[in-house]
Amino acid sequence: MARILSDREIRGLLNDVIKDGDASLLNPNGIELRLGQHVRFLSTGEEMDVPPGHFVRVRPGETVMVASLEYLDFTRETVGRHFPSKMLMSMITPTTTMVREGIIQAATKVDAGFRGQLNWGFRNSSYKDLVLQNGESIFKLTLFLLEDDEVPEMAYGERNKDQYQDTQGVLVSRRRVPADVPKNKTVSSSFDQIDPKKQLREAGHPFDHIGSELISLQGKFEMVSKDFVALKADLDARSADLTLKIEAETKSVVGKIEETKSGLKEHAENLFSSKFTAIVGTLIGAVAILYGTLRWIQGFAPPTELVVFLSLFSGVVILLMTWIISKRTK
């Protein structure tokens, strides 16, 4: 059965199997590995350097991939110098300190024959930022010595499908998915139909608190929305009533204006008619009197002549009637 190496045995591997390993980070049955100079933020796809003396900030809910500061060489040749005819594999687990700070990471293994910097992914599940410094211990390496039949026939890196051999920095996933996967050949859950509020409540802190706050806020919003709808309906009713009143008042004013215009027109017509009658009557009367007077002065006939008398009499009558009509019109 594979045997777990002790700190004493691991110390002898620090020069070549675990390059740049720190003896002060040895555990009873493993060694702590440190944050290297490369980080990749999976949420944004950004890859950045973390030089010595610098820090990386991982926000709540964010997932990152980091590279180890140490370089592992689990090839047959290198391991054989310490354990002839044997090989090494290992398990990667987070340190308890990282677990206490809310780091979530599934344990994984390093196959026999691997060579390169380890890539390690984790998620910050806490409610505050996680700040890590270059060279800080973040995960543990537990080594297993493989003997006899435990030694693989083909170690990692000896197969064509081993795509992460000689890793430097952070390598992205080499898995490839067809761009046009047919929907009728895809099996998926009804995840997109789950109530988002339920998802938040079941996600744990701080998301459950956020979900509760959103539900409370939604209730308040619904109350405000109902009040707004009622207020809008009241305003619409008031607006409709005011519109009807304005229309009625407008019609009344227009009617009065039309009535006034009609009266003014009629009055003007009457006034013009009365003035025209007065002018015409005055002219006729004046002409009749003037004619009679001229005949009188010329002496064509005595004053009792019928024509002169009729002219003078008709002129006086016409003037009198014109005066009376003018007075009545005023």
C-alpha atoms as a PDB file:
ATOM      1  CA  MET A   1       0.000   0.000   0.000  1.00  0.00           C
ATOM      2  CA  ALA A   2       1.208   3.521  -0.777  1.00  0.00           C
ATOM      3  CA  ARG A   3       3.036   5.102   2.138  1.00  0.00           C
ATOM      4  CA  ILE A   4       2.743   8.731   3.229  1.00  0.00           C
ATOM      5  CA  LEU A   5       6.140  10.396   3.540  1.00  0.00           C
ATOM      6  CA  SER A   6       7.203  11.968   6.823  1.00  0.00           C
ATOM      7  CA  ASP A   7       8.754  15.405   7.288  1.00  0.00           C
ATOM      8  CA  ARG A   8      12.190  13.810   7.541  1.00  0.00           C
ATOM      9  CA  GLU A   9      11.833  12.154   4.135  1.00  0.00           C
ATOM     10  CA  ILE A  10      10.313  15.247   2.494  1.00  0.00           C
ATOM     11  CA  ARG A  11      13.213  17.411   3.691  1.00  0.00           C
ATOM     12  CA  GLY A  12      15.534  15.342   1.499  1.00  0.00           C
ATOM     13  CA  LEU A  13      13.406  16.184  -1.591  1.00  0.00           C
ATOM     14  CA  LEU A  14      13.602  19.987  -1.318  1.00  0.00           C
ATOM     15  CA  ASN A  15      16.477  20.438  -3.733  1.00  0.00           C
ATOM     16  CA  ASP A  16      15.140  18.693  -6.823  1.00  0.00           C
ATOM     17  CA  VAL A  17      11.744  17.009  -6.350  1.00  0.00           C
ATOM     18  CA  ILE A  18      10.297  20.122  -4.650  1.00  0.00           C
ATOM     19  CA  LYS A  19      12.378  23.001  -6.001  1.00  0.00           C
ATOM     20  CA  ASP A  20      12.433  26.202  -3.943  1.00  0.00           C
ATOM     21  CA  GLY A  21      10.653  24.385  -1.108  1.00  0.00           C
ATOM     22  CA  ASP A  22      11.003  25.947   2.362  1.00  0.00           C
ATOM     23  CA  ALA A  23      12.042  23.537   5.165  1.00  0.00           C
ATOM     24  CA  SER A  24      10.322  25.798   7.729  1.00  0.00           C
ATOM     25  CA  LEU A  25       6.983  24.949   6.098  1.00  0.00           C
ATOM     26  CA  LEU A  26       7.296  21.197   6.647  1.00  0.00           C
ATOM     27  CA  ASN A  27       4.385  19.465   8.395  1.00  0.00           C
ATOM     28  CA  PRO A  28       4.552  16.082  10.129  1.00  0.00           C
ATOM     29  CA  ASN A  29       3.384  14.420   6.903  1.00  0.00           C
ATOM     30  CA  GLY A  30       3.539  17.102   4.228  1.00  0.00           C
ATOM     31  CA  ILE A  31       4.753  20.551   3.281  1.00  0.00           C
ATOM     32  CA  GLU A  32       2.976  23.872   2.734  1.00  0.00           C
ATOM     33  CA  LEU A  33       3.234  25.421  -0.703  1.00  0.00           C
ATOM     34  CA  ARG A  34       3.125  29.161  -1.298  1.00  0.00           C
ATOM     35  CA  LEU A  35       1.464  31.682  -3.585  1.00  0.00           C
ATOM     36  CA  GLY A  36       3.618  32.308  -6.640  1.00  0.00           C
ATOM     37  CA  GLN A  37       3.775  35.251  -9.023  1.00  0.00           C
ATOM     38  CA  HIS A  38       0.769  34.466 -11.224  1.00  0.00           C
ATOM     39  CA  VAL A  39      -2.985  34.762 -10.662  1.00  0.00           C
ATOM     40  CA  ARG A  40      -5.969  34.452 -13.006  1.00  0.00           C
ATOM     41  CA  PHE A  41      -9.400  35.849 -12.094  1.00  0.00           C
ATOM     42  CA  LEU A  42     -11.931  33.426 -13.588  1.00  0.00           C
ATOM     43  CA  SER A  43     -14.832  35.891 -13.357  1.00  0.00           C
ATOM     44  CA  THR A  44     -13.135  38.403 -15.667  1.00  0.00           C
ATOM     45  CA  GLY A  45     -10.521  36.258 -17.429  1.00  0.00           C
ATOM     46  CA  GLU A  46      -7.771  38.659 -16.329  1.00  0.00           C
ATOM     47  CA  GLU A  47      -4.317  37.230 -15.677  1.00  0.00           C
ATOM     48  CA  MET A  48      -1.930  39.307 -13.593  1.00  0.00           C
ATOM     49  CA  ASP A  49       1.510  39.121 -12.021  1.00  0.00           C
ATOM     50  CA  VAL A  50       2.030  39.254  -8.261  1.00  0.00           C
ATOM     51  CA  PRO A  51       5.690  40.294  -7.805  1.00  0.00           C
ATOM     52  CA  PRO A  52       7.507  39.706  -4.491  1.00  0.00           C
ATOM     53  CA  GLY A  53       6.208  42.078  -1.825  1.00  0.00           C
ATOM     54  CA  HIS A  54       2.848  42.474  -3.612  1.00  0.00           C
ATOM     55  CA  PHE A  55      -0.603  41.213  -2.658  1.00  0.00           C
ATOM     56  CA  VAL A  56      -3.605  39.784  -4.474  1.00  0.00           C
ATOM     57  CA  ARG A  57      -7.116  40.801  -3.396  1.00  0.00           C
ATOM     58  CA  VAL A  58      -9.925  38.247  -3.878  1.00  0.00           C
ATOM     59  CA  ARG A  59     -13.379  39.731  -3.415  1.00  0.00           C
ATOM     60  CA  PRO A  60     -16.323  37.856  -1.843  1.00  0.00           C
ATOM     61  CA  GLY A  61     -17.755  35.276  -4.236  1.00  0.00           C
ATOM     62  CA  GLU A  62     -14.786  35.562  -6.589  1.00  0.00           C
ATOM     63  CA  THR A  63     -12.906  32.511  -7.912  1.00  0.00           C
ATOM     64  CA  VAL A  64      -9.222  32.608  -8.853  1.00  0.00           C
ATOM     65  CA  MET A  65      -6.513  30.306 -10.151  1.00  0.00           C
ATOM     66  CA  VAL A  66      -3.004  30.724  -8.751  1.00  0.00           C
ATOM     67  CA  ALA A  67       0.395  29.185  -9.448  1.00  0.00           C
ATOM     68  CA  SER A  68       2.634  27.797  -6.736  1.00  0.00           C
ATOM     69  CA  LEU A  69       5.955  29.393  -5.916  1.00  0.00           C
ATOM     70  CA  GLU A  70       7.501  25.920  -5.748  1.00  0.00           C
ATOM     71  CA  TYR A  71       8.294  23.776  -8.790  1.00  0.00           C
ATOM     72  CA  LEU A  72       7.539  20.047  -8.595  1.00  0.00           C
ATOM     73  CA  ASP A  73       9.390  17.304 -10.462  1.00  0.00           C
ATOM     74  CA  PHE A  74       7.734  13.916  -9.990  1.00  0.00           C
ATOM     75  CA  THR A  75       9.366  12.298 -13.035  1.00  0.00           C
ATOM     76  CA  ARG A  76      10.827   8.800 -12.815  1.00  0.00           C
ATOM     77  CA  GLU A  77      14.405  10.009 -13.152  1.00  0.00           C
ATOM     78  CA  THR A  78      14.242  12.658 -10.413  1.00  0.00           C
ATOM     79  CA  VAL A  79      12.263  10.592  -7.907  1.00  0.00           C
ATOM     80  CA  GLY A  80      14.431   7.526  -8.689  1.00  0.00           C
ATOM     81  CA  ARG A  81      17.496   9.297  -7.290  1.00  0.00           C
ATOM     82  CA  HIS A  82      15.824   9.216  -3.866  1.00  0.00           C
ATOM     83  CA  PHE A  83      13.634   6.117  -4.152  1.00  0.00           C
ATOM     84  CA  PRO A  84      14.917   3.671  -6.780  1.00  0.00           C
ATOM     85  CA  SER A  85      12.183   1.895  -8.792  1.00  0.00           C
ATOM     86  CA  LYS A  86       9.540   3.921  -6.964  1.00  0.00           C
ATOM     87  CA  MET A  87       7.473   7.029  -7.776  1.00  0.00           C
ATOM     88  CA  LEU A  88       5.625   9.803  -5.960  1.00  0.00           C
ATOM     89  CA  MET A  89       2.106  11.204  -6.141  1.00  0.00           C
ATOM     90  CA  SER A  90       0.512  13.772  -3.839  1.00  0.00           C
ATOM     91  CA  MET A  91      -2.736  15.316  -2.610  1.00  0.00           C
ATOM     92  CA  ILE A  92      -3.418  19.069  -2.490  1.00  0.00           C
ATOM     93  CA  THR A  93      -5.578  20.433   0.337  1.00  0.00           C
ATOM     94  CA  PRO A  94      -6.066  23.984   1.660  1.00  0.00           C
ATOM     95  CA  THR A  95      -4.390  24.947   4.880  1.00  0.00           C
ATOM     96  CA  THR A  96      -6.698  25.160   7.898  1.00  0.00           C
ATOM     97  CA  THR A  97      -5.936  28.888   8.037  1.00  0.00           C
ATOM     98  CA  MET A  98      -7.387  29.373   4.568  1.00  0.00           C
ATOM     99  CA  VAL A  99     -10.423  27.270   5.526  1.00  0.00           C
ATOM    100  CA  ARG A 100     -10.953  29.477   8.577  1.00  0.00           C
ATOM    101  CA  GLU A 101     -11.004  32.524   6.305  1.00  0.00           C
ATOM    102  CA  GLY A 102     -13.743  31.117   4.087  1.00  0.00           C
ATOM    103  CA  ILE A 103     -11.741  29.523   1.262  1.00  0.00           C
ATOM    104  CA  ILE A 104     -13.587  26.770  -0.612  1.00  0.00           C
ATOM    105  CA  GLN A 105     -11.474  24.354  -2.632  1.00  0.00           C
ATOM    106  CA  ALA A 106     -11.909  20.688  -3.444  1.00  0.00           C
ATOM    107  CA  ALA A 107      -8.916  18.465  -2.781  1.00  0.00           C
ATOM    108  CA  THR A 108      -7.119  17.230  -5.868  1.00  0.00           C
ATOM    109  CA  LYS A 109      -4.056  15.159  -6.626  1.00  0.00           C
ATOM    110  CA  VAL A 110      -0.769  15.447  -8.441  1.00  0.00           C
ATOM    111  CA  ASP A 111      -0.097  12.418 -10.625  1.00  0.00           C
ATOM    112  CA  ALA A 112       3.135  10.485 -10.632  1.00  0.00           C
ATOM    113  CA  GLY A 113       5.382  11.901 -13.351  1.00  0.00           C
ATOM    114  CA  PHE A 114       4.043  15.502 -13.214  1.00  0.00           C
ATOM    115  CA  ARG A 115       6.529  18.309 -13.654  1.00  0.00           C
ATOM    116  CA  GLY A 116       5.873  22.035 -13.325  1.00  0.00           C
ATOM    117  CA  GLN A 117       4.258  24.671 -11.118  1.00  0.00           C
ATOM    118  CA  LEU A 118       1.024  23.624  -9.464  1.00  0.00           C
ATOM    119  CA  ASN A 119      -2.156  25.466 -10.424  1.00  0.00           C
ATOM    120  CA  TRP A 120      -4.685  25.722  -7.654  1.00  0.00           C
ATOM    121  CA  GLY A 121      -8.196  27.194  -7.822  1.00  0.00           C
ATOM    122  CA  PHE A 122     -10.264  28.446  -4.906  1.00  0.00           C
ATOM    123  CA  ARG A 123     -13.301  30.613  -4.162  1.00  0.00           C
ATOM    124  CA  ASN A 124     -13.690  33.253  -1.500  1.00  0.00           C
ATOM    125  CA  SER A 125     -16.976  32.332   0.185  1.00  0.00           C
ATOM    126  CA  SER A 126     -16.635  34.845   3.017  1.00  0.00           C
ATOM    127  CA  TYR A 127     -18.278  38.272   3.202  1.00  0.00           C
ATOM    128  CA  LYS A 128     -15.021  40.210   3.175  1.00  0.00           C
ATOM    129  CA  ASP A 129     -12.025  40.542   0.861  1.00  0.00           C
ATOM    130  CA  LEU A 130      -9.288  37.931   1.063  1.00  0.00           C
ATOM    131  CA  VAL A 131      -5.809  39.445   0.790  1.00  0.00           C
ATOM    132  CA  LEU A 132      -2.870  37.115   0.071  1.00  0.00           C
ATOM    133  CA  GLN A 133       0.788  38.063  -0.211  1.00  0.00           C
ATOM    134  CA  ASN A 134       3.277  36.655  -2.657  1.00  0.00           C
ATOM    135  CA  GLY A 135       5.096  33.805  -0.886  1.00  0.00           C
ATOM    136  CA  GLU A 136       2.304  33.185   1.653  1.00  0.00           C
ATOM    137  CA  SER A 137       1.368  29.564   2.492  1.00  0.00           C
ATOM    138  CA  ILE A 138      -2.043  28.698   1.046  1.00  0.00           C
ATOM    139  CA  PHE A 139      -2.221  24.916   0.519  1.00  0.00           C
ATOM    140  CA  LYS A 140      -0.624  21.677   1.672  1.00  0.00           C
ATOM    141  CA  LEU A 141       1.085  18.927  -0.269  1.00  0.00           C
ATOM    142  CA  THR A 142       0.824  15.404   1.141  1.00  0.00           C
ATOM    143  CA  LEU A 143       3.187  12.959  -0.635  1.00  0.00           C
ATOM    144  CA  PHE A 144       2.577   9.240  -1.203  1.00  0.00           C
ATOM    145  CA  LEU A 145       5.390   6.834  -2.069  1.00  0.00           C
ATOM    146  CA  LEU A 146       4.316   4.290  -4.682  1.00  0.00           C
ATOM    147  CA  GLU A 147       5.950   0.867  -4.649  1.00  0.00           C
ATOM    148  CA  ASP A 148       5.815  -2.251  -6.810  1.00  0.00           C
ATOM    149  CA  ASP A 149       2.437  -2.506  -8.538  1.00  0.00           C
ATOM    150  CA  GLU A 150       1.486   0.984  -7.361  1.00  0.00           C
ATOM    151  CA  VAL A 151       4.053   2.473  -9.726  1.00  0.00           C
ATOM    152  CA  PRO A 152       2.156   3.379 -12.931  1.00  0.00           C
ATOM    153  CA  GLU A 153       3.112   1.813 -16.233  1.00  0.00           C
ATOM    154  CA  MET A 154       2.887   5.215 -17.900  1.00  0.00           C
ATOM    155  CA  ALA A 155       3.506   8.216 -15.685  1.00  0.00           C
ATOM    156  CA  TYR A 156       2.043  11.664 -16.226  1.00  0.00           C
ATOM    157  CA  GLY A 157       3.767  13.392 -19.128  1.00  0.00           C
ATOM    158  CA  GLU A 158       4.469  10.128 -20.942  1.00  0.00           C
ATOM    159  CA  ARG A 159       1.045  10.152 -22.612  1.00  0.00           C
ATOM    160  CA  ASN A 160       0.013  12.425 -25.467  1.00  0.00           C
ATOM    161  CA  LYS A 161      -3.107  13.602 -23.613  1.00  0.00           C
ATOM    162  CA  ASP A 162      -1.146  15.011 -20.647  1.00  0.00           C
ATOM    163  CA  GLN A 163      -1.553  18.716 -21.500  1.00  0.00           C
ATOM    164  CA  TYR A 164      -0.288  20.368 -18.318  1.00  0.00           C
ATOM    165  CA  GLN A 165       3.216  18.953 -18.128  1.00  0.00           C
ATOM    166  CA  ASP A 166       5.938  21.578 -17.498  1.00  0.00           C
ATOM    167  CA  THR A 167       3.375  24.134 -16.330  1.00  0.00           C
ATOM    168  CA  GLN A 168       4.694  27.664 -15.925  1.00  0.00           C
ATOM    169  CA  GLY A 169       2.388  30.266 -14.394  1.00  0.00           C
ATOM    170  CA  VAL A 170      -1.365  29.710 -14.692  1.00  0.00           C
ATOM    171  CA  LEU A 171      -2.558  27.623 -17.626  1.00  0.00           C
ATOM    172  CA  VAL A 172      -6.163  27.924 -18.765  1.00  0.00           C
ATOM    173  CA  SER A 173      -8.271  24.836 -19.241  1.00  0.00           C
ATOM    174  CA  ARG A 174      -7.340  22.890 -22.352  1.00  0.00           C
ATOM    175  CA  ARG A 175     -10.781  21.302 -22.602  1.00  0.00           C
ATOM    176  CA  ARG A 176     -12.624  22.062 -25.824  1.00  0.00           C
ATOM    177  CA  VAL A 177     -16.411  22.121 -26.323  1.00  0.00           C
ATOM    178  CA  PRO A 178     -18.073  22.296 -29.782  1.00  0.00           C
ATOM    179  CA  ALA A 179     -19.291  25.786 -30.569  1.00  0.00           C
ATOM    180  CA  ASP A 180     -22.680  24.594 -31.839  1.00  0.00           C
ATOM    181  CA  VAL A 181     -23.932  21.932 -29.435  1.00  0.00           C
ATOM    182  CA  PRO A 182     -27.405  20.771 -30.634  1.00  0.00           C
ATOM    183  CA  LYS A 183     -30.161  21.554 -28.121  1.00  0.00           C
ATOM    184  CA  ASN A 184     -31.811  18.178 -28.725  1.00  0.00           C
ATOM    185  CA  LYS A 185     -28.609  16.482 -27.544  1.00  0.00           C
ATOM    186  CA  THR A 186     -28.197  18.600 -24.414  1.00  0.00           C
ATOM    187  CA  VAL A 187     -29.364  17.392 -21.011  1.00  0.00           C
ATOM    188  CA  SER A 188     -29.784  20.114 -18.381  1.00  0.00           C
ATOM    189  CA  SER A 189     -31.784  20.889 -15.269  1.00  0.00           C
ATOM    190  CA  SER A 190     -34.484  23.511 -14.776  1.00  0.00           C
ATOM    191  CA  PHE A 191     -32.018  25.667 -12.859  1.00  0.00           C
ATOM    192  CA  ASP A 192     -33.046  28.820 -14.704  1.00  0.00           C
ATOM    193  CA  GLN A 193     -36.623  28.338 -13.476  1.00  0.00           C
ATOM    194  CA  ILE A 194     -35.709  28.300  -9.786  1.00  0.00           C
ATOM    195  CA  ASP A 195     -36.861  31.323  -7.842  1.00  0.00           C
ATOM    196  CA  PRO A 196     -33.777  33.603  -7.498  1.00  0.00           C
ATOM    197  CA  LYS A 197     -34.851  34.549  -3.970  1.00  0.00           C
ATOM    198  CA  LYS A 198     -34.816  30.881  -2.992  1.00  0.00           C
ATOM    199  CA  GLN A 199     -31.352  30.466  -4.491  1.00  0.00           C
ATOM    200  CA  LEU A 200     -30.053  33.386  -2.436  1.00  0.00           C
ATOM    201  CA  ARG A 201     -31.625  32.056   0.769  1.00  0.00           C
ATOM    202  CA  GLU A 202     -30.024  28.645   0.269  1.00  0.00           C
ATOM    203  CA  ALA A 203     -26.604  30.019  -0.732  1.00  0.00           C
ATOM    204  CA  GLY A 204     -25.587  30.761   2.859  1.00  0.00           C
ATOM    205  CA  HIS A 205     -24.188  33.910   4.387  1.00  0.00           C
ATOM    206  CA  PRO A 206     -24.063  36.677   3.202  1.00  0.00           C
ATOM    207  CA  PHE A 207     -26.330  35.777   0.291  1.00  0.00           C
ATOM    208  CA  ASP A 208     -29.190  34.525   2.482  1.00  0.00           C
ATOM    209  CA  HIS A 209     -29.201  37.912   4.220  1.00  0.00           C
ATOM    210  CA  ILE A 210     -29.229  39.635   0.839  1.00  0.00           C
ATOM    211  CA  GLY A 211     -32.147  37.435  -0.236  1.00  0.00           C
ATOM    212  CA  SER A 212     -34.126  38.333   2.914  1.00  0.00           C
ATOM    213  CA  GLU A 213     -33.424  42.019   2.362  1.00  0.00           C
ATOM    214  CA  LEU A 214     -34.515  41.762  -1.270  1.00  0.00           C
ATOM    215  CA  ILE A 215     -37.762  40.036  -0.272  1.00  0.00           C
ATOM    216  CA  SER A 216     -38.424  42.741   2.322  1.00  0.00           C
ATOM    217  CA  LEU A 217     -37.581  45.416  -0.220  1.00  0.00           C
ATOM    218  CA  GLN A 218     -39.873  43.788  -2.761  1.00  0.00           C
ATOM    219  CA  GLY A 219     -42.745  43.882  -0.253  1.00  0.00           C
ATOM    220  CA  LYS A 220     -42.140  47.560   0.389  1.00  0.00           C
ATOM    221  CA  PHE A 221     -41.900  48.181  -3.320  1.00  0.00           C
ATOM    222  CA  GLU A 222     -45.215  46.405  -3.892  1.00  0.00           C
ATOM    223  CA  MET A 223     -46.845  48.587  -1.218  1.00  0.00           C
ATOM    224  CA  VAL A 224     -45.427  51.723  -2.795  1.00  0.00           C
ATOM    225  CA  SER A 225     -46.475  50.436  -6.206  1.00  0.00           C
ATOM    226  CA  LYS A 226     -50.064  49.881  -5.013  1.00  0.00           C
ATOM    227  CA  ASP A 227     -50.152  53.346  -3.451  1.00  0.00           C
ATOM    228  CA  PHE A 228     -48.816  54.797  -6.654  1.00  0.00           C
ATOM    229  CA  VAL A 229     -51.437  52.978  -8.728  1.00  0.00           C
ATOM    230  CA  ALA A 230     -54.212  54.244  -6.429  1.00  0.00           C
ATOM    231  CA  LEU A 231     -52.823  57.778  -6.538  1.00  0.00           C
ATOM    232  CA  LYS A 232     -52.543  57.611 -10.317  1.00  0.00           C
ATOM    233  CA  ALA A 233     -56.150  56.402 -10.607  1.00  0.00           C
ATOM    234  CA  ASP A 234     -57.318  59.252  -8.357  1.00  0.00           C
ATOM    235  CA  LEU A 235     -55.315  61.771 -10.359  1.00  0.00           C
ATOM    236  CA  ASP A 236     -56.709  60.361 -13.607  1.00  0.00           C
ATOM    237  CA  ALA A 237     -60.278  60.671 -12.269  1.00  0.00           C
ATOM    238  CA  ARG A 238     -59.628  64.231 -11.089  1.00  0.00           C
ATOM    239  CA  SER A 239     -58.032  65.069 -14.415  1.00  0.00           C
ATOM    240  CA  ALA A 240     -61.008  63.651 -16.352  1.00  0.00           C
ATOM    241  CA  ASP A 241     -63.470  65.597 -14.170  1.00  0.00           C
ATOM    242  CA  LEU A 242     -61.461  68.795 -14.579  1.00  0.00           C
ATOM    243  CA  THR A 243     -61.323  68.243 -18.331  1.00  0.00           C
ATOM    244  CA  LEU A 244     -65.118  67.900 -18.492  1.00  0.00           C
ATOM    245  CA  LYS A 245     -65.554  71.083 -16.446  1.00  0.00           C
ATOM    246  CA  ILE A 246     -63.116  72.974 -18.649  1.00  0.00           C
ATOM    247  CA  GLU A 247     -64.901  71.763 -21.770  1.00  0.00           C
ATOM    248  CA  ALA A 248     -68.304  72.814 -20.326  1.00  0.00           C
ATOM    249  CA  GLU A 249     -66.984  76.235 -19.300  1.00  0.00           C
ATOM    250  CA  THR A 250     -65.362  76.630 -22.692  1.00  0.00           C
ATOM    251  CA  LYS A 251     -68.611  75.840 -24.478  1.00  0.00           C
ATOM    252  CA  SER A 252     -70.480  78.278 -22.232  1.00  0.00           C
ATOM    253  CA  VAL A 253     -67.990  81.066 -22.842  1.00  0.00           C
ATOM    254  CA  VAL A 254     -67.975  80.373 -26.587  1.00  0.00           C
ATOM    255  CA  GLY A 255     -71.785  80.461 -26.596  1.00  0.00           C
ATOM    256  CA  LYS A 256     -71.818  83.774 -24.760  1.00  0.00           C
ATOM    257  CA  ILE A 257     -69.220  85.169 -27.132  1.00  0.00           C
ATOM    258  CA  GLU A 258     -71.272  84.052 -30.129  1.00  0.00           C
ATOM    259  CA  GLU A 259     -74.422  85.515 -28.578  1.00  0.00           C
ATOM    260  CA  THR A 260     -72.641  88.795 -27.902  1.00  0.00           C
ATOM    261  CA  LYS A 261     -71.248  88.873 -31.429  1.00  0.00           C
ATOM    262  CA  SER A 262     -74.741  88.262 -32.838  1.00  0.00           C
ATOM    263  CA  GLY A 263     -76.208  91.018 -30.675  1.00  0.00           C
ATOM    264  CA  LEU A 264     -73.474  93.440 -31.631  1.00  0.00           C
ATOM    265  CA  LYS A 265     -73.985  92.614 -35.281  1.00  0.00           C
ATOM    266  CA  GLU A 266     -77.730  93.144 -35.024  1.00  0.00           C
ATOM    267  CA  HIS A 267     -77.242  96.365 -33.078  1.00  0.00           C
ATOM    268  CA  ALA A 268     -74.777  97.592 -35.673  1.00  0.00           C
ATOM    269  CA  GLU A 269     -77.191  96.753 -38.454  1.00  0.00           C
ATOM    270  CA  ASN A 270     -80.016  98.555 -36.672  1.00  0.00           C
ATOM    271  CA  LEU A 271     -77.785 101.506 -35.921  1.00  0.00           C
ATOM    272  CA  PHE A 272     -76.689 101.725 -39.538  1.00  0.00           C
ATOM    273  CA  SER A 273     -80.315 101.433 -40.711  1.00  0.00           C
ATOM    274  CA  SER A 274     -81.524 104.189 -38.353  1.00  0.00           C
ATOM    275  CA  LYS A 275     -78.714 106.533 -39.289  1.00  0.00           C
ATOM    276  CA  PHE A 276     -79.251 105.845 -42.959  1.00  0.00           C
ATOM    277  CA  THR A 277     -82.999 106.574 -42.578  1.00  0.00           C
ATOM    278  CA  ALA A 278     -82.282 109.783 -40.650  1.00  0.00           C
ATOM    279  CA  ILE A 279     -79.851 111.009 -43.279  1.00  0.00           C
ATOM    280  CA  VAL A 280     -82.113 110.151 -46.196  1.00  0.00           C
ATOM    281  CA  GLY A 281     -85.182 111.634 -44.465  1.00  0.00           C
ATOM    282  CA  THR A 282     -83.304 114.803 -43.562  1.00  0.00           C
ATOM    283  CA  LEU A 283     -82.062 115.220 -47.117  1.00  0.00           C
ATOM    284  CA  ILE A 284     -85.516 114.690 -48.641  1.00  0.00           C
ATOM    285  CA  GLY A 285     -87.179 117.034 -46.125  1.00  0.00           C
ATOM    286  CA  ALA A 286     -84.513 119.651 -46.585  1.00  0.00           C
ATOM    287  CA  VAL A 287     -84.780 119.444 -50.388  1.00  0.00           C
ATOM    288  CA  ALA A 288     -88.584 119.811 -50.220  1.00  0.00           C
ATOM    289  CA  ILE A 289     -88.363 122.846 -47.914  1.00  0.00           C
ATOM    290  CA  LEU A 290     -85.548 124.342 -49.982  1.00  0.00           C
ATOM    291  CA  TYR A 291     -87.585 123.872 -53.149  1.00  0.00           C
ATOM    292  CA  GLY A 292     -90.693 125.529 -51.656  1.00  0.00           C
ATOM    293  CA  THR A 293     -88.628 128.357 -50.234  1.00  0.00           C
ATOM    294  CA  LEU A 294     -86.930 129.024 -53.553  1.00  0.00           C
ATOM    295  CA  ARG A 295     -90.288 129.091 -55.362  1.00  0.00           C
ATOM    296  CA  TRP A 296     -91.554 131.508 -52.735  1.00  0.00           C
ATOM    297  CA  ILE A 297     -88.569 133.832 -53.075  1.00  0.00           C
ATOM    298  CA  GLN A 298     -88.615 133.777 -56.864  1.00  0.00           C
ATOM    299  CA  GLY A 299     -92.179 134.915 -56.769  1.00  0.00           C
ATOM    300  CA  PHE A 300     -93.420 132.524 -59.345  1.00  0.00           C
ATOM    301  CA  ALA A 301     -96.604 132.177 -57.394  1.00  0.00           C
ATOM    302  CA  PRO A 302     -98.225 133.488 -54.227  1.00  0.00           C
ATOM    303  CA  PRO A 303     -97.687 131.631 -50.954  1.00  0.00           C
ATOM    304  CA  THR A 304    -100.939 129.903 -51.288  1.00  0.00           C
ATOM    305  CA  GLU A 305     -99.855 128.205 -54.449  1.00  0.00           C
ATOM    306  CA  LEU A 306    -100.534 124.539 -54.064  1.00  0.00           C
ATOM    307  CA  VAL A 307     -97.062 123.318 -55.140  1.00  0.00           C
ATOM    308  CA  VAL A 308     -95.235 125.605 -52.763  1.00  0.00           C
ATOM    309  CA  PHE A 309     -97.540 124.718 -49.956  1.00  0.00           C
ATOM    310  CA  LEU A 310     -97.160 121.026 -50.547  1.00  0.00           C
ATOM    311  CA  SER A 311     -93.368 121.294 -50.775  1.00  0.00           C
ATOM    312  CA  LEU A 312     -93.073 123.218 -47.525  1.00  0.00           C
ATOM    313  CA  PHE A 313     -95.602 121.038 -45.744  1.00  0.00           C
ATOM    314  CA  SER A 314     -94.121 117.735 -46.911  1.00  0.00           C
ATOM    315  CA  GLY A 315     -90.602 118.891 -46.057  1.00  0.00           C
ATOM    316  CA  VAL A 316     -91.618 119.822 -42.523  1.00  0.00           C
ATOM    317  CA  VAL A 317     -93.496 116.547 -42.100  1.00  0.00           C
ATOM    318  CA  ILE A 318     -90.568 114.490 -43.376  1.00  0.00           C
ATOM    319  CA  LEU A 319     -88.116 116.223 -41.033  1.00  0.00           C
ATOM    320  CA  LEU A 320     -90.453 115.769 -38.101  1.00  0.00           C
ATOM    321  CA  MET A 321     -90.967 112.079 -38.809  1.00  0.00           C
ATOM    322  CA  THR A 322     -87.189 111.585 -39.275  1.00  0.00           C
ATOM    323  CA  TRP A 323     -86.555 113.228 -35.886  1.00  0.00           C
ATOM    324  CA  ILE A 324     -89.168 111.066 -34.167  1.00  0.00           C
ATOM    325  CA  ILE A 325     -87.788 107.825 -35.687  1.00  0.00           C
ATOM    326  CA  SER A 326     -84.219 108.799 -34.691  1.00  0.00           C
ATOM    327  CA  LYS A 327     -85.262 109.394 -31.110  1.00  0.00           C
ATOM    328  CA  ARG A 328     -87.037 106.028 -30.832  1.00  0.00           C
ATOM    329  CA  THR A 329     -84.013 104.200 -32.248  1.00  0.00           C
ATOM    330  CA  LYS A 330     -81.695 105.751 -29.653  1.00  0.00           C
END
